[in-house]
PDB file of all heavy atoms in Angstrom:
ATOM      1  N   TRP A   1     -21.062 -20.433  -2.055  1.00  0.00           N
ATOM      2  CA  TRP A   1     -20.023 -19.414  -1.817  1.00  0.00           C
ATOM      3  C   TRP A   1     -20.382 -18.409  -0.775  1.00  0.00           C
ATOM      4  O   TRP A   1     -19.478 -17.928   0.040  1.00  0.00           O
ATOM      5  CB  TRP A   1     -19.714 -18.728  -3.083  1.00  0.00           C
ATOM      6  CG  TRP A   1     -18.869 -19.504  -4.103  1.00  0.00           C
ATOM      7  CD1 TRP A   1     -19.359 -20.000  -5.264  1.00  0.00           C
ATOM      8  CD2 TRP A   1     -17.541 -19.943  -3.931  1.00  0.00           C
ATOM      9  NE1 TRP A   1     -18.313 -20.715  -5.859  1.00  0.00           N
ATOM     10  CE2 TRP A   1     -17.236 -20.662  -5.156  1.00  0.00           C
ATOM     11  CE3 TRP A   1     -16.516 -19.749  -2.967  1.00  0.00           C
ATOM     12  CZ2 TRP A   1     -15.995 -21.229  -5.247  1.00  0.00           C
ATOM     13  CZ3 TRP A   1     -15.341 -20.385  -3.185  1.00  0.00           C
ATOM     14  CH2 TRP A   1     -14.981 -20.995  -4.404  1.00  0.00           C
ATOM     15  N   ILE A   2     -21.691 -18.061  -0.869  1.00  0.00           N
ATOM     16  CA  ILE A   2     -22.058 -17.051   0.223  1.00  0.00           C
ATOM     17  C   ILE A   2     -21.903 -17.678   1.684  1.00  0.00           C
ATOM     18  O   ILE A   2     -21.403 -17.107   2.593  1.00  0.00           O
ATOM     19  CB  ILE A   2     -23.435 -16.517  -0.075  1.00  0.00           C
ATOM     20  CG1 ILE A   2     -23.506 -15.701  -1.245  1.00  0.00           C
ATOM     21  CG2 ILE A   2     -23.878 -15.774   1.255  1.00  0.00           C
ATOM     22  CD1 ILE A   2     -24.762 -15.190  -1.605  1.00  0.00           C
ATOM     23  N   ALA A   3     -22.447 -18.913   1.731  1.00  0.00           N
ATOM     24  CA  ALA A   3     -22.471 -19.544   3.106  1.00  0.00           C
ATOM     25  C   ALA A   3     -21.141 -19.906   3.544  1.00  0.00           C
ATOM     26  O   ALA A   3     -20.703 -19.840   4.750  1.00  0.00           O
ATOM     27  CB  ALA A   3     -23.335 -20.849   3.046  1.00  0.00           C
ATOM     28  N   ALA A   4     -20.221 -20.381   2.608  1.00  0.00           N
ATOM     29  CA  ALA A   4     -19.005 -20.862   3.027  1.00  0.00           C
ATOM     30  C   ALA A   4     -17.831 -19.870   3.074  1.00  0.00           C
ATOM     31  O   ALA A   4     -16.976 -19.817   3.942  1.00  0.00           O
ATOM     32  CB  ALA A   4     -18.471 -22.069   2.054  1.00  0.00           C
ATOM     33  N   GLN A   5     -17.784 -18.941   2.091  1.00  0.00           N
ATOM     34  CA  GLN A   5     -16.736 -17.975   2.147  1.00  0.00           C
ATOM     35  C   GLN A   5     -17.132 -16.461   2.142  1.00  0.00           C
ATOM     36  O   GLN A   5     -16.384 -15.622   2.578  1.00  0.00           O
ATOM     37  CB  GLN A   5     -15.911 -18.175   0.778  1.00  0.00           C
ATOM     38  CG  GLN A   5     -15.422 -19.618   0.535  1.00  0.00           C
ATOM     39  CD  GLN A   5     -14.422 -20.011   1.586  1.00  0.00           C
ATOM     40  OE1 GLN A   5     -13.693 -19.117   2.065  1.00  0.00           O
ATOM     41  NE2 GLN A   5     -14.352 -21.357   1.897  1.00  0.00           N
ATOM     42  N   GLY A   6     -18.350 -16.206   1.551  1.00  0.00           N
ATOM     43  CA  GLY A   6     -18.634 -14.881   1.346  1.00  0.00           C
ATOM     44  C   GLY A   6     -18.612 -13.949   2.571  1.00  0.00           C
ATOM     45  O   GLY A   6     -18.179 -12.885   2.621  1.00  0.00           O
ATOM     46  N   ALA A   7     -19.376 -14.514   3.678  1.00  0.00           N
ATOM     47  CA  ALA A   7     -19.536 -13.769   4.875  1.00  0.00           C
ATOM     48  C   ALA A   7     -18.043 -13.467   5.473  1.00  0.00           C
ATOM     49  O   ALA A   7     -17.863 -12.293   5.906  1.00  0.00           O
ATOM     50  CB  ALA A   7     -20.301 -14.406   5.927  1.00  0.00           C
ATOM     51  N   VAL A   8     -17.190 -14.399   5.411  1.00  0.00           N
ATOM     52  CA  VAL A   8     -15.776 -14.136   5.887  1.00  0.00           C
ATOM     53  C   VAL A   8     -15.017 -13.178   5.144  1.00  0.00           C
ATOM     54  O   VAL A   8     -14.371 -12.307   5.740  1.00  0.00           O
ATOM     55  CB  VAL A   8     -15.071 -15.509   6.014  1.00  0.00           C
ATOM     56  CG1 VAL A   8     -13.650 -15.299   6.485  1.00  0.00           C
ATOM     57  CG2 VAL A   8     -15.669 -16.503   6.889  1.00  0.00           C
ATOM     58  N   LEU A   9     -15.070 -13.220   3.772  1.00  0.00           N
ATOM     59  CA  LEU A   9     -14.432 -12.288   2.966  1.00  0.00           C
ATOM     60  C   LEU A   9     -15.020 -10.972   3.129  1.00  0.00           C
ATOM     61  O   LEU A   9     -14.291  -9.889   3.154  1.00  0.00           O
ATOM     62  CB  LEU A   9     -14.672 -12.785   1.569  1.00  0.00           C
ATOM     63  CG  LEU A   9     -13.858 -14.097   1.218  1.00  0.00           C
ATOM     64  CD1 LEU A   9     -14.071 -14.469  -0.283  1.00  0.00           C
ATOM     65  CD2 LEU A   9     -12.323 -13.907   1.519  1.00  0.00           C
ATOM     66  N   VAL A  10     -16.322 -10.837   3.249  1.00  0.00           N
ATOM     67  CA  VAL A  10     -16.963  -9.451   3.456  1.00  0.00           C
ATOM     68  C   VAL A  10     -16.585  -8.925   4.748  1.00  0.00           C
ATOM     69  O   VAL A  10     -16.339  -7.723   4.916  1.00  0.00           O
ATOM     70  CB  VAL A  10     -18.483  -9.538   3.294  1.00  0.00           C
ATOM     71  CG1 VAL A  10     -19.194  -8.250   3.769  1.00  0.00           C
ATOM     72  CG2 VAL A  10     -18.894  -9.772   1.836  1.00  0.00           C
ATOM     73  N   PHE A  11     -16.486  -9.720   5.768  1.00  0.00           N
ATOM     74  CA  PHE A  11     -16.047  -9.289   7.204  1.00  0.00           C
ATOM     75  C   PHE A  11     -14.610  -8.656   7.056  1.00  0.00           C
ATOM     76  O   PHE A  11     -14.386  -7.794   7.717  1.00  0.00           O
ATOM     77  CB  PHE A  11     -16.096 -10.434   8.281  1.00  0.00           C
ATOM     78  CG  PHE A  11     -15.735  -9.902   9.455  1.00  0.00           C
ATOM     79  CD1 PHE A  11     -16.471  -9.206  10.326  1.00  0.00           C
ATOM     80  CD2 PHE A  11     -14.416 -10.359   9.952  1.00  0.00           C
ATOM     81  CE1 PHE A  11     -16.085  -8.697  11.636  1.00  0.00           C
ATOM     82  CE2 PHE A  11     -14.037  -9.886  11.272  1.00  0.00           C
ATOM     83  CZ  PHE A  11     -14.858  -9.158  12.190  1.00  0.00           C
ATOM     84  N   ILE A  12     -13.769  -9.410   6.412  1.00  0.00           N
ATOM     85  CA  ILE A  12     -12.331  -8.953   6.275  1.00  0.00           C
ATOM     86  C   ILE A  12     -12.289  -7.527   5.451  1.00  0.00           C
ATOM     87  O   ILE A  12     -11.644  -6.653   5.904  1.00  0.00           O
ATOM     88  CB  ILE A  12     -11.488  -9.984   5.466  1.00  0.00           C
ATOM     89  CG1 ILE A  12     -11.281 -11.141   6.414  1.00  0.00           C
ATOM     90  CG2 ILE A  12     -10.067  -9.341   5.136  1.00  0.00           C
ATOM     91  CD1 ILE A  12     -10.688 -12.403   5.767  1.00  0.00           C
ATOM     92  N   ALA A  13     -13.137  -7.468   4.406  1.00  0.00           N
ATOM     93  CA  ALA A  13     -13.346  -6.182   3.654  1.00  0.00           C
ATOM     94  C   ALA A  13     -13.791  -5.214   4.626  1.00  0.00           C
ATOM     95  O   ALA A  13     -13.312  -4.001   4.470  1.00  0.00           O
ATOM     96  CB  ALA A  13     -14.123  -6.364   2.443  1.00  0.00           C
ATOM     97  N   LEU A  14     -14.809  -5.377   5.568  1.00  0.00           N
ATOM     98  CA  LEU A  14     -15.352  -4.364   6.409  1.00  0.00           C
ATOM     99  C   LEU A  14     -14.152  -3.921   7.262  1.00  0.00           C
ATOM    100  O   LEU A  14     -14.030  -2.727   7.560  1.00  0.00           O
ATOM    101  CB  LEU A  14     -16.609  -4.916   7.202  1.00  0.00           C
ATOM    102  CG  LEU A  14     -17.736  -5.209   6.343  1.00  0.00           C
ATOM    103  CD1 LEU A  14     -18.811  -5.772   7.310  1.00  0.00           C
ATOM    104  CD2 LEU A  14     -18.270  -3.968   5.637  1.00  0.00           C
ATOM    105  N   VAL A  15     -13.339  -4.867   7.677  1.00  0.00           N
ATOM    106  CA  VAL A  15     -12.220  -4.347   8.632  1.00  0.00           C
ATOM    107  C   VAL A  15     -11.299  -3.512   8.023  1.00  0.00           C
ATOM    108  O   VAL A  15     -10.760  -2.414   8.409  1.00  0.00           O
ATOM    109  CB  VAL A  15     -11.479  -5.589   9.327  1.00  0.00           C
ATOM    110  CG1 VAL A  15     -10.304  -5.300   9.983  1.00  0.00           C
ATOM    111  CG2 VAL A  15     -12.492  -6.359  10.242  1.00  0.00           C
ATOM    112  N   VAL A  16     -10.952  -3.847   6.721  1.00  0.00           N
ATOM    113  CA  VAL A  16      -9.982  -3.057   5.875  1.00  0.00           C
ATOM    114  C   VAL A  16     -10.738  -1.548   5.561  1.00  0.00           C
ATOM    115  O   VAL A  16      -9.999  -0.604   5.757  1.00  0.00           O
ATOM    116  CB  VAL A  16      -9.750  -3.675   4.520  1.00  0.00           C
ATOM    117  CG1 VAL A  16      -8.948  -2.802   3.567  1.00  0.00           C
ATOM    118  CG2 VAL A  16      -8.885  -4.980   4.806  1.00  0.00           C
ATOM    119  N   VAL A  17     -11.919  -1.594   5.252  1.00  0.00           N
ATOM    120  CA  VAL A  17     -12.704  -0.387   4.982  1.00  0.00           C
ATOM    121  C   VAL A  17     -12.700   0.460   6.295  1.00  0.00           C
ATOM    122  O   VAL A  17     -12.506   1.768   6.261  1.00  0.00           O
ATOM    123  CB  VAL A  17     -14.069  -0.694   4.483  1.00  0.00           C
ATOM    124  CG1 VAL A  17     -14.926   0.801   4.572  1.00  0.00           C
ATOM    125  CG2 VAL A  17     -13.990  -1.142   3.093  1.00  0.00           C
ATOM    126  N   TYR A  18     -12.925  -0.067   7.347  1.00  0.00           N
ATOM    127  CA  TYR A  18     -12.938   0.612   8.689  1.00  0.00           C
ATOM    128  C   TYR A  18     -11.565   1.362   8.982  1.00  0.00           C
ATOM    129  O   TYR A  18     -11.531   2.377   9.495  1.00  0.00           O
ATOM    130  CB  TYR A  18     -13.317  -0.317   9.827  1.00  0.00           C
ATOM    131  CG  TYR A  18     -13.398   0.506  11.093  1.00  0.00           C
ATOM    132  CD1 TYR A  18     -14.568   1.216  11.527  1.00  0.00           C
ATOM    133  CD2 TYR A  18     -12.434   0.273  12.102  1.00  0.00           C
ATOM    134  CE1 TYR A  18     -14.646   1.966  12.626  1.00  0.00           C
ATOM    135  CE2 TYR A  18     -12.580   0.927  13.374  1.00  0.00           C
ATOM    136  CZ  TYR A  18     -13.665   1.668  13.536  1.00  0.00           C
ATOM    137  OH  TYR A  18     -13.629   2.384  14.768  1.00  0.00           O
ATOM    138  N   GLY A  19     -10.599   0.506   8.914  1.00  0.00           N
ATOM    139  CA  GLY A  19      -9.117   1.038   9.026  1.00  0.00           C
ATOM    140  C   GLY A  19      -8.814   2.091   8.194  1.00  0.00           C
ATOM    141  O   GLY A  19      -8.144   3.086   8.490  1.00  0.00           O
ATOM    142  N   TRP A  20      -9.164   1.967   6.882  1.00  0.00           N
ATOM    143  CA  TRP A  20      -8.877   3.173   5.877  1.00  0.00           C
ATOM    144  C   TRP A  20      -9.652   4.305   6.153  1.00  0.00           C
ATOM    145  O   TRP A  20      -9.165   5.376   6.192  1.00  0.00           O
ATOM    146  CB  TRP A  20      -9.221   2.547   4.469  1.00  0.00           C
ATOM    147  CG  TRP A  20      -9.150   3.668   3.248  1.00  0.00           C
ATOM    148  CD1 TRP A  20      -7.961   4.119   2.808  1.00  0.00           C
ATOM    149  CD2 TRP A  20     -10.229   4.424   3.019  1.00  0.00           C
ATOM    150  NE1 TRP A  20      -8.381   5.080   2.053  1.00  0.00           N
ATOM    151  CE2 TRP A  20      -9.630   5.263   2.088  1.00  0.00           C
ATOM    152  CE3 TRP A  20     -11.546   4.479   3.159  1.00  0.00           C
ATOM    153  CZ2 TRP A  20     -10.452   6.222   1.351  1.00  0.00           C
ATOM    154  CZ3 TRP A  20     -12.340   5.447   2.434  1.00  0.00           C
ATOM    155  CH2 TRP A  20     -11.800   6.290   1.526  1.00  0.00           C
ATOM    156  N   ALA A  21     -10.921   4.222   6.519  1.00  0.00           N
ATOM    157  CA  ALA A  21     -11.782   5.347   6.862  1.00  0.00           C
ATOM    158  C   ALA A  21     -11.295   6.011   8.095  1.00  0.00           C
ATOM    159  O   ALA A  21     -11.318   7.309   8.236  1.00  0.00           O
ATOM    160  CB  ALA A  21     -13.188   4.964   6.980  1.00  0.00           C
ATOM    161  N   MET A  22     -10.871   5.278   9.105  1.00  0.00           N
ATOM    162  CA  MET A  22     -10.480   5.834  10.436  1.00  0.00           C
ATOM    163  C   MET A  22      -9.084   6.624  10.220  1.00  0.00           C
ATOM    164  O   MET A  22      -8.821   7.727  10.650  1.00  0.00           O
ATOM    165  CB  MET A  22     -10.331   4.896  11.539  1.00  0.00           C
ATOM    166  CG  MET A  22     -11.677   4.334  11.914  1.00  0.00           C
ATOM    167  SD  MET A  22     -12.879   5.555  12.550  1.00  0.00           S
ATOM    168  CE  MET A  22     -12.108   6.034  14.031  1.00  0.00           C
ATOM    169  N   ASN A  23      -8.204   6.105   9.393  1.00  0.00           N
ATOM    170  CA  ASN A  23      -6.921   6.782   9.008  1.00  0.00           C
ATOM    171  C   ASN A  23      -7.332   8.103   8.236  1.00  0.00           C
ATOM    172  O   ASN A  23      -6.753   9.102   8.498  1.00  0.00           O
ATOM    173  CB  ASN A  23      -6.009   5.902   8.231  1.00  0.00           C
ATOM    174  CG  ASN A  23      -5.430   4.748   9.021  1.00  0.00           C
ATOM    175  OD1 ASN A  23      -5.233   5.118  10.177  1.00  0.00           O
ATOM    176  ND2 ASN A  23      -5.026   3.769   8.418  1.00  0.00           N
ATOM    177  N   ARG A  24      -8.224   8.066   7.353  1.00  0.00           N
ATOM    178  CA  ARG A  24      -8.638   9.208   6.480  1.00  0.00           C
ATOM    179  C   ARG A  24      -9.298  10.247   7.645  1.00  0.00           C
ATOM    180  O   ARG A  24      -8.928  11.504   7.475  1.00  0.00           O
ATOM    181  CB  ARG A  24      -9.664   8.889   5.587  1.00  0.00           C
ATOM    182  CG  ARG A  24     -10.056   9.960   4.638  1.00  0.00           C
ATOM    183  CD  ARG A  24     -10.923   9.474   3.592  1.00  0.00           C
ATOM    184  NE  ARG A  24     -11.545  10.522   2.871  1.00  0.00           N
ATOM    185  CZ  ARG A  24     -12.833  10.796   2.733  1.00  0.00           C
ATOM    186  NH1 ARG A  24     -13.800   9.880   3.279  1.00  0.00           N
ATOM    187  NH2 ARG A  24     -13.325  11.709   2.093  1.00  0.00           N
ATOM    188  N   PHE A  25     -10.147   9.779   8.494  1.00  0.00           N
ATOM    189  CA  PHE A  25     -10.714  10.816   9.483  1.00  0.00           C
ATOM    190  C   PHE A  25      -9.537  11.508  10.379  1.00  0.00           C
ATOM    191  O   PHE A  25      -9.628  12.531  10.601  1.00  0.00           O
ATOM    192  CB  PHE A  25     -11.747  10.016  10.469  1.00  0.00           C
ATOM    193  CG  PHE A  25     -13.011   9.644   9.692  1.00  0.00           C
ATOM    194  CD1 PHE A  25     -13.810   8.599  10.209  1.00  0.00           C
ATOM    195  CD2 PHE A  25     -13.340  10.230   8.459  1.00  0.00           C
ATOM    196  CE1 PHE A  25     -14.915   8.299   9.681  1.00  0.00           C
ATOM    197  CE2 PHE A  25     -14.532   9.916   7.819  1.00  0.00           C
ATOM    198  CZ  PHE A  25     -15.265   8.820   8.383  1.00  0.00           C
ATOM    199  N   GLU A  26      -8.714  10.491  10.782  1.00  0.00           N
ATOM    200  CA  GLU A  26      -7.577  11.152  11.604  1.00  0.00           C
ATOM    201  C   GLU A  26      -6.756  12.141  10.822  1.00  0.00           C
ATOM    202  O   GLU A  26      -6.337  13.192  11.411  1.00  0.00           O
ATOM    203  CB  GLU A  26      -6.716  10.024  12.212  1.00  0.00           C
ATOM    204  CG  GLU A  26      -7.382   9.178  13.186  1.00  0.00           C
ATOM    205  CD  GLU A  26      -6.501   7.935  13.653  1.00  0.00           C
ATOM    206  OE1 GLU A  26      -5.388   7.863  13.195  1.00  0.00           O
ATOM    207  OE2 GLU A  26      -7.091   7.346  14.543  1.00  0.00           O
TER     208      GLU A  26
END
């Protein structure tokens, strides 16, 4: 799961967290 899906799912989650945090900062 980590090799096949985990890294991609975590990357998507990081993009969502970054967008949420930047909106909050703004």
